[in-house]
Amino acid sequence: MNDKEIRPIWRDYLEMTKPNVVLLMIMTSAIGMFMAVPGMVPVDVLIIGNLGIALMAGSAAAINHLIDYRTDINMKRTENRPVAQGRITPTKALVFAIIIGSLGMWMLMVYINALTAWLTLLSLIGYAFIYTMFLKRATPQNIVIGGLAGAAPPLLGWTAVTNEVHGYGLLLVLIIFAWTPPHFWALAIHRKEDYAKVDIPMLPVTHGDKFTRLQVLLYTIILLIVTMLPFATLMSGPLYAIGALILGLIFLWYAIQLMRDKDDKIPMATFKYSIIYLMLLFVVMLVDHYVYPPLVF
């Protein structure tokens, strides 16, 4: 009996939502909620808000699977995806994406607020259509421009609680926006041959490894500076500043190693650390928020 016959169908639908990516997004959106208030986030907003955002993020991921299934089959990293392998038909993938996306939109619109619902929809459109359908194949700066959609979750969490776009919420977006290029380009270096095979103009394909490694280093420096802004604007206190500096310097060390060392393991090591970095950065920010609460919200 082959894998196609024994694999539970629900696993394929779950895989289409990119649960690991969505989980990281929801962590940042939840922390965005806590950063927006001095005390506890209302439990209903915390649960329903993040569930609605997660469903719409999962819908965007499913649409990504649908749009990319012809190229996914030719890339080692994505060749076993459900639509690429035919375990789920394009029609079923589209229906699934519409159902969970509509459910998430309804939850946000009815139980949270319209601002969060529309901003989440814009994020979905930005990733699923503008990035996946156009930017990804149009420019090596695709991940920089398209990264704005993936950077939105902490702002969505903020607006879910406050029903307003605040400068601090936008600052959280800026952090993830600056983090995305060094995070993704490290992976792109590792998967350069895959992207070249399917004619996707990722930076290592169009400009080479050396240039891409330099860009990772430069964006990591920018990220280190950007992560100091919450402390500089009195959004966060000294605990965050120390934590952000230490985490950022470690990231910088990886970026320097990426520039100096041609070991094939360094790009993936940098990519993996970038994920740990973002998680720890937001956790430190959350802890600092309650140890050194801001004077003004």
Protein backbone atom coordinates (compact mmCIF):
# COMPACT_ATOMS: atom_id res chain seq x y z
CA MET A 1 0.00 0.00 0.00
CA ASN A 2 1.54 3.32 -1.05
CA ASP A 3 1.68 6.57 0.88
CA LYS A 4 -1.09 8.10 -1.22
CA GLU A 5 -3.48 5.37 -0.06
CA ILE A 6 -2.63 5.33 3.65
CA ARG A 7 -2.13 9.05 4.31
CA PRO A 8 -5.18 10.53 6.12
CA ILE A 9 -6.79 13.19 3.94
CA TRP A 10 -7.03 15.66 6.83
CA ARG A 11 -3.24 15.77 6.97
CA ASP A 12 -3.14 16.97 3.37
CA TYR A 13 -5.61 19.76 4.07
CA LEU A 14 -3.67 20.71 7.20
CA GLU A 15 -0.41 20.75 5.22
CA MET A 16 -1.93 23.18 2.71
CA THR A 17 -2.40 25.73 5.50
CA LYS A 18 1.35 25.71 6.29
CA PRO A 19 0.69 25.21 10.03
CA ASN A 20 4.25 25.91 11.17
CA VAL A 21 4.30 29.26 9.37
CA VAL A 22 0.81 30.15 10.61
CA LEU A 23 1.76 29.21 14.18
CA LEU A 24 4.66 31.68 14.08
CA MET A 25 2.32 34.35 12.66
CA ILE A 26 -0.26 33.72 15.39
CA MET A 27 2.40 33.95 18.08
CA THR A 28 3.29 37.44 16.82
CA SER A 29 -0.36 38.46 16.48
CA ALA A 30 -1.10 37.29 20.04
CA ILE A 31 1.87 39.22 21.38
CA GLY A 32 0.70 42.22 19.37
CA MET A 33 -2.57 41.98 21.33
CA PHE A 34 -0.80 41.94 24.67
CA MET A 35 1.47 44.82 23.68
CA ALA A 36 -1.61 46.94 22.97
CA VAL A 37 -2.99 46.82 26.52
CA PRO A 38 -1.54 47.33 30.02
CA GLY A 39 -3.23 44.27 31.47
CA MET A 40 -4.85 41.10 30.18
CA VAL A 41 -6.27 40.81 26.68
CA PRO A 42 -10.00 39.95 26.76
CA VAL A 43 -10.18 36.17 26.42
CA ASP A 44 -12.78 36.26 23.64
CA VAL A 45 -10.62 38.61 21.57
CA LEU A 46 -7.53 36.51 22.23
CA ILE A 47 -9.18 33.28 21.09
CA ILE A 48 -11.56 34.39 18.35
CA GLY A 49 -9.22 37.06 16.98
CA ASN A 50 -6.27 34.72 16.59
CA LEU A 51 -8.46 31.93 15.23
CA GLY A 52 -9.90 34.24 12.60
CA ILE A 53 -6.44 35.49 11.62
CA ALA A 54 -5.13 31.90 11.52
CA LEU A 55 -7.96 30.74 9.25
CA MET A 56 -7.33 33.56 6.79
CA ALA A 57 -3.57 32.97 6.89
CA GLY A 58 -4.24 29.27 6.25
CA SER A 59 -6.49 30.23 3.34
CA ALA A 60 -3.69 32.34 1.83
CA ALA A 61 -1.29 29.41 2.23
CA ALA A 62 -3.74 27.03 0.51
CA ILE A 63 -4.08 29.45 -2.41
CA ASN A 64 -0.28 29.53 -2.59
CA HIS A 65 -0.28 25.72 -2.90
CA LEU A 66 -2.91 25.96 -5.63
CA ILE A 67 -1.18 28.64 -7.69
CA ASP A 68 2.28 27.06 -7.39
CA TYR A 69 1.42 23.38 -7.83
CA ARG A 70 2.94 23.14 -11.32
CA THR A 71 6.28 24.50 -10.09
CA ASP A 72 6.11 22.75 -6.71
CA ILE A 73 6.36 19.34 -8.37
CA ASN A 74 9.75 20.33 -9.81
CA MET A 75 11.26 21.59 -6.55
CA LYS A 76 12.75 19.23 -3.99
CA ARG A 77 11.46 21.28 -1.04
CA THR A 78 7.86 21.29 -2.32
CA GLU A 79 7.52 18.25 -4.56
CA ASN A 80 5.45 16.28 -2.02
CA ARG A 81 2.82 18.97 -1.44
CA PRO A 82 -0.76 17.65 -1.66
CA VAL A 83 -1.87 19.54 -4.78
CA ALA A 84 1.43 19.00 -6.57
CA GLN A 85 1.13 15.24 -5.98
CA GLY A 86 -2.54 15.13 -6.92
CA ARG A 87 -3.72 14.00 -3.50
CA ILE A 88 -5.98 17.05 -3.48
CA THR A 89 -7.40 18.42 -6.73
CA PRO A 90 -7.05 22.12 -7.59
CA THR A 91 -10.84 22.50 -7.34
CA LYS A 92 -10.95 21.02 -3.85
CA ALA A 93 -8.01 23.17 -2.80
CA LEU A 94 -9.81 26.29 -4.02
CA VAL A 95 -13.04 25.36 -2.25
CA PHE A 96 -11.14 24.64 0.96
CA ALA A 97 -9.32 27.99 0.77
CA ILE A 98 -12.58 29.86 0.18
CA ILE A 99 -14.35 28.11 3.07
CA ILE A 100 -11.72 28.68 5.75
CA GLY A 101 -10.95 32.18 4.48
CA SER A 102 -14.62 33.15 4.52
CA LEU A 103 -15.06 31.66 7.99
CA GLY A 104 -12.07 33.63 9.29
CA MET A 105 -13.35 36.85 7.70
CA TRP A 106 -16.80 36.31 9.21
CA MET A 107 -15.35 35.68 12.68
CA LEU A 108 -13.25 38.84 12.57
CA MET A 109 -16.02 40.98 11.12
CA VAL A 110 -18.72 39.81 13.56
CA TYR A 111 -16.82 39.18 16.78
CA ILE A 112 -13.74 41.43 16.57
CA ASN A 113 -13.97 44.54 14.36
CA ALA A 114 -14.17 45.52 10.71
CA LEU A 115 -10.73 47.17 10.70
CA THR A 116 -9.00 43.94 11.65
CA ALA A 117 -11.11 41.94 9.18
CA TRP A 118 -10.26 44.20 6.23
CA LEU A 119 -6.58 44.48 7.12
CA THR A 120 -6.37 40.68 7.37
CA LEU A 121 -8.08 40.36 3.99
CA LEU A 122 -5.57 42.81 2.48
CA SER A 123 -2.77 40.70 3.93
CA LEU A 124 -4.31 37.57 2.38
CA ILE A 125 -4.58 39.24 -1.02
CA GLY A 126 -1.04 40.59 -0.73
CA TYR A 127 0.48 37.15 -0.08
CA ALA A 128 -1.78 34.82 -2.02
CA PHE A 129 -2.20 36.90 -5.14
CA ILE A 130 0.13 39.92 -5.40
CA TYR A 131 3.21 38.04 -4.13
CA THR A 132 2.51 34.49 -5.33
CA MET A 133 1.01 35.32 -8.73
CA PHE A 134 3.07 38.35 -9.72
CA LEU A 135 5.99 39.50 -7.55
CA LYS A 136 7.46 36.04 -7.01
CA ARG A 137 8.08 35.65 -10.73
CA ALA A 138 8.64 39.29 -11.62
CA THR A 139 11.57 40.56 -9.54
CA PRO A 140 14.41 39.31 -7.32
CA GLN A 141 13.15 41.85 -4.77
CA ASN A 142 9.94 39.77 -4.50
CA ILE A 143 10.45 38.81 -0.87
CA VAL A 144 11.25 42.40 0.16
CA ILE A 145 8.13 43.88 -1.43
CA GLY A 146 5.86 40.91 -0.68
CA GLY A 147 7.18 40.62 2.86
CA LEU A 148 4.82 43.35 4.00
CA ALA A 149 1.88 40.92 3.90
CA GLY A 150 3.69 38.44 6.11
CA ALA A 151 4.69 41.20 8.52
CA ALA A 152 1.10 42.23 9.28
CA PRO A 153 0.09 39.78 12.10
CA PRO A 154 1.28 41.84 15.11
CA LEU A 155 -0.59 44.87 13.76
CA LEU A 156 -3.68 42.69 13.25
CA GLY A 157 -3.42 41.59 16.86
CA TRP A 158 -3.06 45.22 17.94
CA THR A 159 -6.12 46.38 15.97
CA ALA A 160 -8.14 43.39 17.19
CA VAL A 161 -7.84 44.79 20.72
CA THR A 162 -7.87 48.54 20.10
CA ASN A 163 -9.72 48.94 16.78
CA GLU A 164 -7.10 51.47 15.68
CA VAL A 165 -3.82 51.53 13.78
CA HIS A 166 -1.18 52.76 16.23
CA GLY A 167 2.43 53.71 15.61
CA TYR A 168 3.64 51.02 17.98
CA GLY A 169 1.68 48.40 16.04
CA LEU A 170 3.33 49.61 12.84
CA LEU A 171 6.71 49.38 14.56
CA LEU A 172 6.08 45.67 15.16
CA VAL A 173 5.32 45.31 11.45
CA LEU A 174 8.59 47.06 10.62
CA ILE A 175 10.55 44.55 12.70
CA ILE A 176 9.16 41.55 10.82
CA PHE A 177 9.46 43.42 7.51
CA ALA A 178 13.19 43.94 8.15
CA TRP A 179 13.58 40.33 9.37
CA THR A 180 12.02 38.69 6.30
CA PRO A 181 14.81 39.24 3.70
CA PRO A 182 17.72 37.79 5.72
CA HIS A 183 15.43 35.01 6.91
CA PHE A 184 14.24 33.97 3.46
CA TRP A 185 17.40 34.68 1.45
CA ALA A 186 19.36 32.33 3.69
CA LEU A 187 16.92 29.59 2.66
CA ALA A 188 17.03 30.74 -0.98
CA ILE A 189 20.82 30.28 -1.04
CA HIS A 190 20.35 26.71 0.16
CA ARG A 191 17.63 26.07 -2.44
CA LYS A 192 19.17 28.06 -5.29
CA GLU A 193 19.11 25.16 -7.77
CA ASP A 194 15.43 24.53 -7.11
CA TYR A 195 14.47 28.12 -7.90
CA ALA A 196 16.69 28.20 -10.98
CA LYS A 197 15.09 25.01 -12.28
CA VAL A 198 11.60 26.56 -12.26
CA ASP A 199 12.71 30.05 -13.43
CA ILE A 200 11.77 31.87 -10.23
CA PRO A 201 14.08 34.91 -9.97
CA MET A 202 15.14 34.63 -6.37
CA LEU A 203 18.13 36.81 -5.55
CA PRO A 204 20.75 34.00 -5.49
CA VAL A 205 19.60 32.93 -8.97
CA THR A 206 19.69 36.40 -10.54
CA HIS A 207 22.60 37.99 -8.67
CA GLY A 208 24.59 35.05 -7.33
CA ASP A 209 25.45 33.75 -3.88
CA LYS A 210 28.08 36.37 -3.03
CA PHE A 211 25.72 39.30 -3.60
CA THR A 212 22.91 37.57 -1.71
CA ARG A 213 25.13 36.82 1.27
CA LEU A 214 26.09 40.50 1.36
CA GLN A 215 22.42 41.48 1.32
CA VAL A 216 21.72 39.10 4.21
CA LEU A 217 24.48 40.82 6.19
CA LEU A 218 23.25 44.33 5.35
CA TYR A 219 19.63 43.54 6.16
CA THR A 220 20.69 41.90 9.43
CA ILE A 221 22.42 45.16 10.39
CA ILE A 222 19.24 47.06 9.46
CA LEU A 223 17.22 44.58 11.54
CA LEU A 224 19.48 45.10 14.54
CA ILE A 225 18.92 48.86 14.31
CA VAL A 226 15.17 48.53 13.80
CA THR A 227 14.79 46.26 16.83
CA MET A 228 16.23 49.02 19.01
CA LEU A 229 13.38 51.36 18.08
CA PRO A 230 10.87 49.95 20.62
CA PHE A 231 13.30 50.90 23.38
CA ALA A 232 14.13 54.27 21.77
CA THR A 233 10.42 55.16 21.49
CA LEU A 234 9.66 54.04 25.08
CA MET A 235 7.46 51.21 23.84
CA SER A 236 9.73 48.72 25.64
CA GLY A 237 12.15 48.81 28.52
CA PRO A 238 15.76 47.78 29.26
CA LEU A 239 15.02 44.05 29.46
CA TYR A 240 13.85 44.10 25.85
CA ALA A 241 16.78 46.26 24.76
CA ILE A 242 19.32 43.86 26.24
CA GLY A 243 17.54 40.80 24.85
CA ALA A 244 17.13 42.32 21.38
CA LEU A 245 20.80 43.35 21.31
CA ILE A 246 22.04 39.88 22.30
CA LEU A 247 19.72 38.08 19.87
CA GLY A 248 20.61 40.55 17.12
CA LEU A 249 24.34 40.16 17.63
CA ILE A 250 24.00 36.39 17.37
CA PHE A 251 22.05 36.85 14.13
CA LEU A 252 24.81 39.19 12.93
CA TRP A 253 27.39 36.52 13.75
CA TYR A 254 25.50 34.04 11.57
CA ALA A 255 25.32 36.61 8.75
CA ILE A 256 29.08 37.22 8.98
CA GLN A 257 29.74 33.48 8.90
CA LEU A 258 27.50 33.28 5.84
CA MET A 259 29.69 35.91 4.15
CA ARG A 260 33.01 34.32 5.13
CA ASP A 261 32.32 30.58 5.11
CA LYS A 262 31.17 28.71 2.00
CA ASP A 263 30.12 25.66 4.04
CA ASP A 264 26.82 24.41 2.62
CA LYS A 265 25.43 24.02 6.14
CA ILE A 266 25.69 27.71 7.05
CA PRO A 267 22.71 28.98 5.01
CA MET A 268 20.29 26.52 6.65
CA ALA A 269 21.80 27.14 10.06
CA THR A 270 21.20 30.86 9.52
CA PHE A 271 17.66 30.21 8.34
CA LYS A 272 16.86 28.05 11.36
CA TYR A 273 18.32 30.58 13.78
CA SER A 274 16.27 33.36 12.18
CA ILE A 275 13.09 31.55 13.20
CA ILE A 276 14.31 31.03 16.77
CA TYR A 277 15.43 34.68 16.79
CA LEU A 278 12.00 36.06 15.91
CA MET A 279 10.22 33.86 18.45
CA LEU A 280 12.60 34.81 21.28
CA LEU A 281 12.57 38.49 20.32
CA PHE A 282 8.79 38.70 20.67
CA VAL A 283 8.79 36.63 23.86
CA VAL A 284 11.38 38.98 25.42
CA MET A 285 9.28 41.93 24.26
CA LEU A 286 6.21 40.45 25.95
CA VAL A 287 8.01 39.75 29.23
CA ASP A 288 9.48 43.25 29.23
CA HIS A 289 6.01 44.69 28.60
CA TYR A 290 4.84 43.46 32.00
CA VAL A 291 8.11 44.01 33.86
CA TYR A 292 8.48 47.58 32.54
CA PRO A 293 4.98 48.62 31.43
CA PRO A 294 4.84 51.67 29.12
CA LEU A 295 3.62 54.88 30.73
CA VAL A 296 1.29 55.70 27.84
CA PHE A 297 -0.86 53.53 25.58
